[in-house]
Amino acid sequence: MDLSWMAWTWQTATFFVVIGFLLGGMYVWEMARPGGDPRQGILGLDTTRGDRLFISLITAAYIHLAWLGFLTAPLWGATLFSVFVALLIFRWV
């Protein structure tokens, strides 16, 4: 199969590998501590671990888009900020 038309860079591959590791980590977490009972966060929503992961990923996408649109700094800053926001989301949302 010829995939030369795709712009596969190491950054793209890293992105998909990280998503795979996150999903695998969520699976292991669920096997270790089943249930993941929903909890009500600051937004008033009942969220599970999977919901919080999804919210974190969508938030990270918007942070990176805003970073590209408004700043000229390297994207590593957006990535670090996204990880920090994800930690906050898993703690309080």
N, C-alpha and C. Protein backbone atom coordinates (compact mmCIF):
# COMPACT_ATOMS: atom_id res chain seq x y z
N MET A 1 0.85 -1.17 0.00
CA MET A 1 0.00 0.00 0.00
C MET A 1 0.90 1.23 0.00
N ASP A 2 0.64 2.15 -0.90
CA ASP A 2 1.46 3.35 -1.03
C ASP A 2 0.83 4.50 -0.24
N LEU A 3 1.50 4.89 0.82
CA LEU A 3 1.02 6.00 1.65
C LEU A 3 1.87 7.25 1.47
N SER A 4 2.60 7.33 0.38
CA SER A 4 3.50 8.46 0.18
C SER A 4 2.75 9.79 -0.01
N TRP A 5 1.47 9.73 -0.34
CA TRP A 5 0.70 10.95 -0.53
C TRP A 5 0.37 11.63 0.80
N MET A 6 0.54 10.88 1.91
CA MET A 6 0.22 11.43 3.22
C MET A 6 1.45 12.11 3.82
N ALA A 7 1.23 13.12 4.58
CA ALA A 7 2.32 13.87 5.20
C ALA A 7 2.64 13.26 6.57
N TRP A 8 3.13 12.02 6.56
CA TRP A 8 3.47 11.36 7.82
C TRP A 8 4.84 11.81 8.27
N THR A 9 4.84 12.56 9.34
CA THR A 9 6.09 13.00 9.95
C THR A 9 6.21 12.33 11.31
N TRP A 10 7.34 12.52 11.96
CA TRP A 10 7.48 11.91 13.28
C TRP A 10 6.49 12.53 14.27
N GLN A 11 6.13 13.79 14.05
CA GLN A 11 5.16 14.43 14.93
C GLN A 11 3.78 13.80 14.77
N THR A 12 3.40 13.49 13.54
CA THR A 12 2.11 12.85 13.29
C THR A 12 2.08 11.46 13.91
N ALA A 13 3.16 10.72 13.72
CA ALA A 13 3.24 9.38 14.30
C ALA A 13 3.19 9.45 15.82
N THR A 14 3.89 10.40 16.41
CA THR A 14 3.89 10.57 17.86
C THR A 14 2.49 10.86 18.37
N PHE A 15 1.75 11.70 17.65
CA PHE A 15 0.38 12.02 18.04
C PHE A 15 -0.46 10.76 18.14
N PHE A 16 -0.42 9.92 17.11
CA PHE A 16 -1.23 8.71 17.12
C PHE A 16 -0.75 7.69 18.14
N VAL A 17 0.55 7.62 18.37
CA VAL A 17 1.08 6.72 19.40
C VAL A 17 0.63 7.17 20.78
N VAL A 18 0.66 8.47 21.04
CA VAL A 18 0.20 8.99 22.34
C VAL A 18 -1.28 8.70 22.54
N ILE A 19 -2.10 8.89 21.53
CA ILE A 19 -3.53 8.58 21.64
C ILE A 19 -3.71 7.10 21.95
N GLY A 20 -2.94 6.24 21.28
CA GLY A 20 -3.01 4.81 21.55
C GLY A 20 -2.62 4.48 22.97
N PHE A 21 -1.55 5.10 23.47
CA PHE A 21 -1.14 4.87 24.85
C PHE A 21 -2.18 5.37 25.85
N LEU A 22 -2.82 6.49 25.55
CA LEU A 22 -3.87 7.00 26.43
C LEU A 22 -5.04 6.02 26.50
N LEU A 23 -5.45 5.51 25.35
CA LEU A 23 -6.55 4.55 25.35
C LEU A 23 -6.16 3.26 26.06
N GLY A 24 -4.93 2.80 25.83
CA GLY A 24 -4.44 1.61 26.53
C GLY A 24 -4.35 1.84 28.03
N GLY A 25 -3.90 3.02 28.42
CA GLY A 25 -3.83 3.36 29.84
C GLY A 25 -5.20 3.40 30.48
N MET A 26 -6.18 3.93 29.75
CA MET A 26 -7.54 3.95 30.29
C MET A 26 -8.08 2.54 30.45
N TYR A 27 -7.72 1.64 29.52
CA TYR A 27 -8.15 0.24 29.62
C TYR A 27 -7.54 -0.41 30.86
N VAL A 28 -6.24 -0.21 31.05
CA VAL A 28 -5.57 -0.79 32.22
C VAL A 28 -6.16 -0.22 33.51
N TRP A 29 -6.41 1.08 33.53
CA TRP A 29 -7.00 1.73 34.71
C TRP A 29 -8.37 1.12 35.01
N GLU A 30 -9.15 0.89 33.98
CA GLU A 30 -10.49 0.30 34.16
C GLU A 30 -10.39 -1.13 34.68
N MET A 31 -9.41 -1.89 34.20
CA MET A 31 -9.23 -3.27 34.67
C MET A 31 -8.74 -3.28 36.13
N ALA A 32 -7.89 -2.33 36.49
CA ALA A 32 -7.35 -2.27 37.85
C ALA A 32 -8.40 -1.77 38.84
N ARG A 33 -9.17 -0.78 38.45
CA ARG A 33 -10.21 -0.21 39.31
C ARG A 33 -11.49 -0.07 38.51
N PRO A 34 -12.27 -1.14 38.43
CA PRO A 34 -13.48 -1.12 37.59
C PRO A 34 -14.51 -0.10 38.08
N GLY A 35 -15.32 0.28 37.15
CA GLY A 35 -16.43 1.17 37.50
C GLY A 35 -16.23 2.58 37.03
N GLY A 36 -15.27 3.24 37.60
CA GLY A 36 -15.08 4.64 37.24
C GLY A 36 -16.35 5.43 37.42
N ASP A 37 -16.93 5.31 38.59
CA ASP A 37 -18.23 5.93 38.86
C ASP A 37 -18.25 7.39 38.42
N PRO A 38 -19.36 7.80 37.81
CA PRO A 38 -19.47 9.21 37.43
C PRO A 38 -19.42 10.11 38.64
N ARG A 39 -18.83 11.25 38.45
CA ARG A 39 -18.82 12.25 39.52
C ARG A 39 -19.19 13.59 38.93
N GLN A 40 -19.75 14.42 39.79
CA GLN A 40 -20.20 15.74 39.34
C GLN A 40 -19.07 16.73 39.54
N GLY A 41 -18.72 17.42 38.47
CA GLY A 41 -17.63 18.38 38.52
C GLY A 41 -18.12 19.80 38.66
N ILE A 42 -17.21 20.74 38.42
CA ILE A 42 -17.55 22.15 38.59
C ILE A 42 -18.53 22.65 37.55
N LEU A 43 -18.64 21.94 36.43
CA LEU A 43 -19.60 22.35 35.40
C LEU A 43 -21.00 21.82 35.66
N GLY A 44 -21.14 20.98 36.70
CA GLY A 44 -22.44 20.41 37.01
C GLY A 44 -22.77 19.20 36.16
N LEU A 45 -21.79 18.67 35.44
CA LEU A 45 -21.99 17.50 34.59
C LEU A 45 -21.50 16.25 35.32
N ASP A 46 -22.21 15.15 35.14
CA ASP A 46 -21.71 13.87 35.62
C ASP A 46 -20.77 13.32 34.56
N THR A 47 -19.50 13.12 34.91
CA THR A 47 -18.53 12.64 33.94
C THR A 47 -17.81 11.40 34.47
N THR A 48 -17.47 10.51 33.55
CA THR A 48 -16.67 9.33 33.86
C THR A 48 -15.23 9.60 33.42
N ARG A 49 -14.36 8.63 33.65
CA ARG A 49 -12.96 8.79 33.22
C ARG A 49 -12.87 9.02 31.72
N GLY A 50 -13.63 8.25 30.97
CA GLY A 50 -13.61 8.38 29.51
C GLY A 50 -14.10 9.75 29.05
N ASP A 51 -15.13 10.25 29.71
CA ASP A 51 -15.64 11.59 29.39
C ASP A 51 -14.56 12.65 29.63
N ARG A 52 -13.88 12.51 30.76
CA ARG A 52 -12.83 13.48 31.09
C ARG A 52 -11.66 13.40 30.12
N LEU A 53 -11.33 12.19 29.66
CA LEU A 53 -10.27 12.05 28.65
C LEU A 53 -10.70 12.73 27.35
N PHE A 54 -11.94 12.50 26.93
CA PHE A 54 -12.44 13.12 25.70
C PHE A 54 -12.44 14.64 25.83
N ILE A 55 -12.91 15.16 26.94
CA ILE A 55 -12.92 16.61 27.16
C ILE A 55 -11.49 17.15 27.13
N SER A 56 -10.56 16.42 27.71
CA SER A 56 -9.15 16.84 27.72
C SER A 56 -8.58 16.89 26.30
N LEU A 57 -8.89 15.88 25.48
CA LEU A 57 -8.36 15.85 24.12
C LEU A 57 -8.95 16.97 23.26
N ILE A 58 -10.25 17.21 23.39
CA ILE A 58 -10.88 18.30 22.64
C ILE A 58 -10.32 19.65 23.09
N THR A 59 -10.15 19.81 24.39
CA THR A 59 -9.58 21.05 24.92
C THR A 59 -8.16 21.26 24.40
N ALA A 60 -7.37 20.20 24.37
CA ALA A 60 -6.00 20.29 23.86
C ALA A 60 -5.99 20.71 22.40
N ALA A 61 -6.94 20.20 21.61
CA ALA A 61 -7.02 20.58 20.20
C ALA A 61 -7.29 22.08 20.08
N TYR A 62 -8.22 22.59 20.86
CA TYR A 62 -8.53 24.02 20.80
C TYR A 62 -7.39 24.88 21.32
N ILE A 63 -6.70 24.42 22.34
CA ILE A 63 -5.54 25.16 22.85
C ILE A 63 -4.47 25.26 21.76
N HIS A 64 -4.21 24.16 21.07
CA HIS A 64 -3.21 24.18 20.01
C HIS A 64 -3.63 25.08 18.84
N LEU A 65 -4.89 25.03 18.47
CA LEU A 65 -5.37 25.91 17.39
C LEU A 65 -5.26 27.38 17.78
N ALA A 66 -5.64 27.70 19.00
CA ALA A 66 -5.54 29.09 19.47
C ALA A 66 -4.07 29.52 19.52
N TRP A 67 -3.22 28.61 19.97
CA TRP A 67 -1.78 28.90 20.05
C TRP A 67 -1.23 29.23 18.65
N LEU A 68 -1.61 28.43 17.68
CA LEU A 68 -1.15 28.67 16.31
C LEU A 68 -1.72 29.98 15.76
N GLY A 69 -2.93 30.31 16.14
CA GLY A 69 -3.58 31.50 15.61
C GLY A 69 -3.11 32.80 16.23
N PHE A 70 -2.72 32.77 17.50
CA PHE A 70 -2.43 34.01 18.19
C PHE A 70 -0.99 34.19 18.64
N LEU A 71 -0.21 33.12 18.69
CA LEU A 71 1.15 33.22 19.18
C LEU A 71 2.14 32.71 18.14
N THR A 72 3.37 33.15 18.27
CA THR A 72 4.41 32.66 17.38
C THR A 72 5.38 31.74 18.13
N ALA A 73 5.11 31.47 19.38
CA ALA A 73 5.97 30.61 20.18
C ALA A 73 5.85 29.16 19.71
N PRO A 74 6.87 28.35 19.98
CA PRO A 74 6.81 26.94 19.59
C PRO A 74 5.63 26.21 20.23
N LEU A 75 5.17 25.16 19.57
CA LEU A 75 4.00 24.41 20.03
C LEU A 75 4.25 23.62 21.31
N TRP A 76 5.51 23.47 21.71
CA TRP A 76 5.78 22.76 22.96
C TRP A 76 5.08 23.45 24.12
N GLY A 77 4.99 24.76 24.07
CA GLY A 77 4.29 25.50 25.12
C GLY A 77 2.82 25.12 25.17
N ALA A 78 2.20 25.01 24.01
CA ALA A 78 0.79 24.61 23.96
C ALA A 78 0.61 23.20 24.48
N THR A 79 1.56 22.33 24.17
CA THR A 79 1.47 20.94 24.64
C THR A 79 1.59 20.88 26.15
N LEU A 80 2.54 21.60 26.71
CA LEU A 80 2.70 21.62 28.17
C LEU A 80 1.46 22.22 28.84
N PHE A 81 0.94 23.28 28.26
CA PHE A 81 -0.27 23.90 28.81
C PHE A 81 -1.45 22.94 28.71
N SER A 82 -1.54 22.19 27.62
CA SER A 82 -2.62 21.21 27.44
C SER A 82 -2.55 20.10 28.48
N VAL A 83 -1.33 19.64 28.79
CA VAL A 83 -1.17 18.61 29.82
C VAL A 83 -1.60 19.16 31.17
N PHE A 84 -1.24 20.39 31.47
CA PHE A 84 -1.64 21.02 32.72
C PHE A 84 -3.17 21.13 32.81
N VAL A 85 -3.80 21.56 31.72
CA VAL A 85 -5.26 21.68 31.69
C VAL A 85 -5.91 20.30 31.84
N ALA A 86 -5.33 19.29 31.20
CA ALA A 86 -5.88 17.92 31.32
C ALA A 86 -5.83 17.44 32.77
N LEU A 87 -4.74 17.74 33.46
CA LEU A 87 -4.65 17.38 34.87
C LEU A 87 -5.75 18.08 35.69
N LEU A 88 -5.99 19.34 35.38
CA LEU A 88 -7.07 20.06 36.06
C LEU A 88 -8.44 19.44 35.75
N ILE A 89 -8.64 19.07 34.50
CA ILE A 89 -9.90 18.47 34.09
C ILE A 89 -10.12 17.16 34.82
N PHE A 90 -9.09 16.32 34.89
CA PHE A 90 -9.25 15.03 35.59
C PHE A 90 -9.45 15.24 37.09
N ARG A 91 -8.98 16.33 37.61
CA ARG A 91 -9.13 16.58 39.06
C ARG A 91 -10.50 17.20 39.39
N TRP A 92 -10.95 18.16 38.60
CA TRP A 92 -12.13 18.92 39.01
C TRP A 92 -13.33 18.87 38.08
N VAL A 93 -13.23 18.27 36.93
CA VAL A 93 -14.41 18.27 36.03
C VAL A 93 -15.15 16.99 36.15
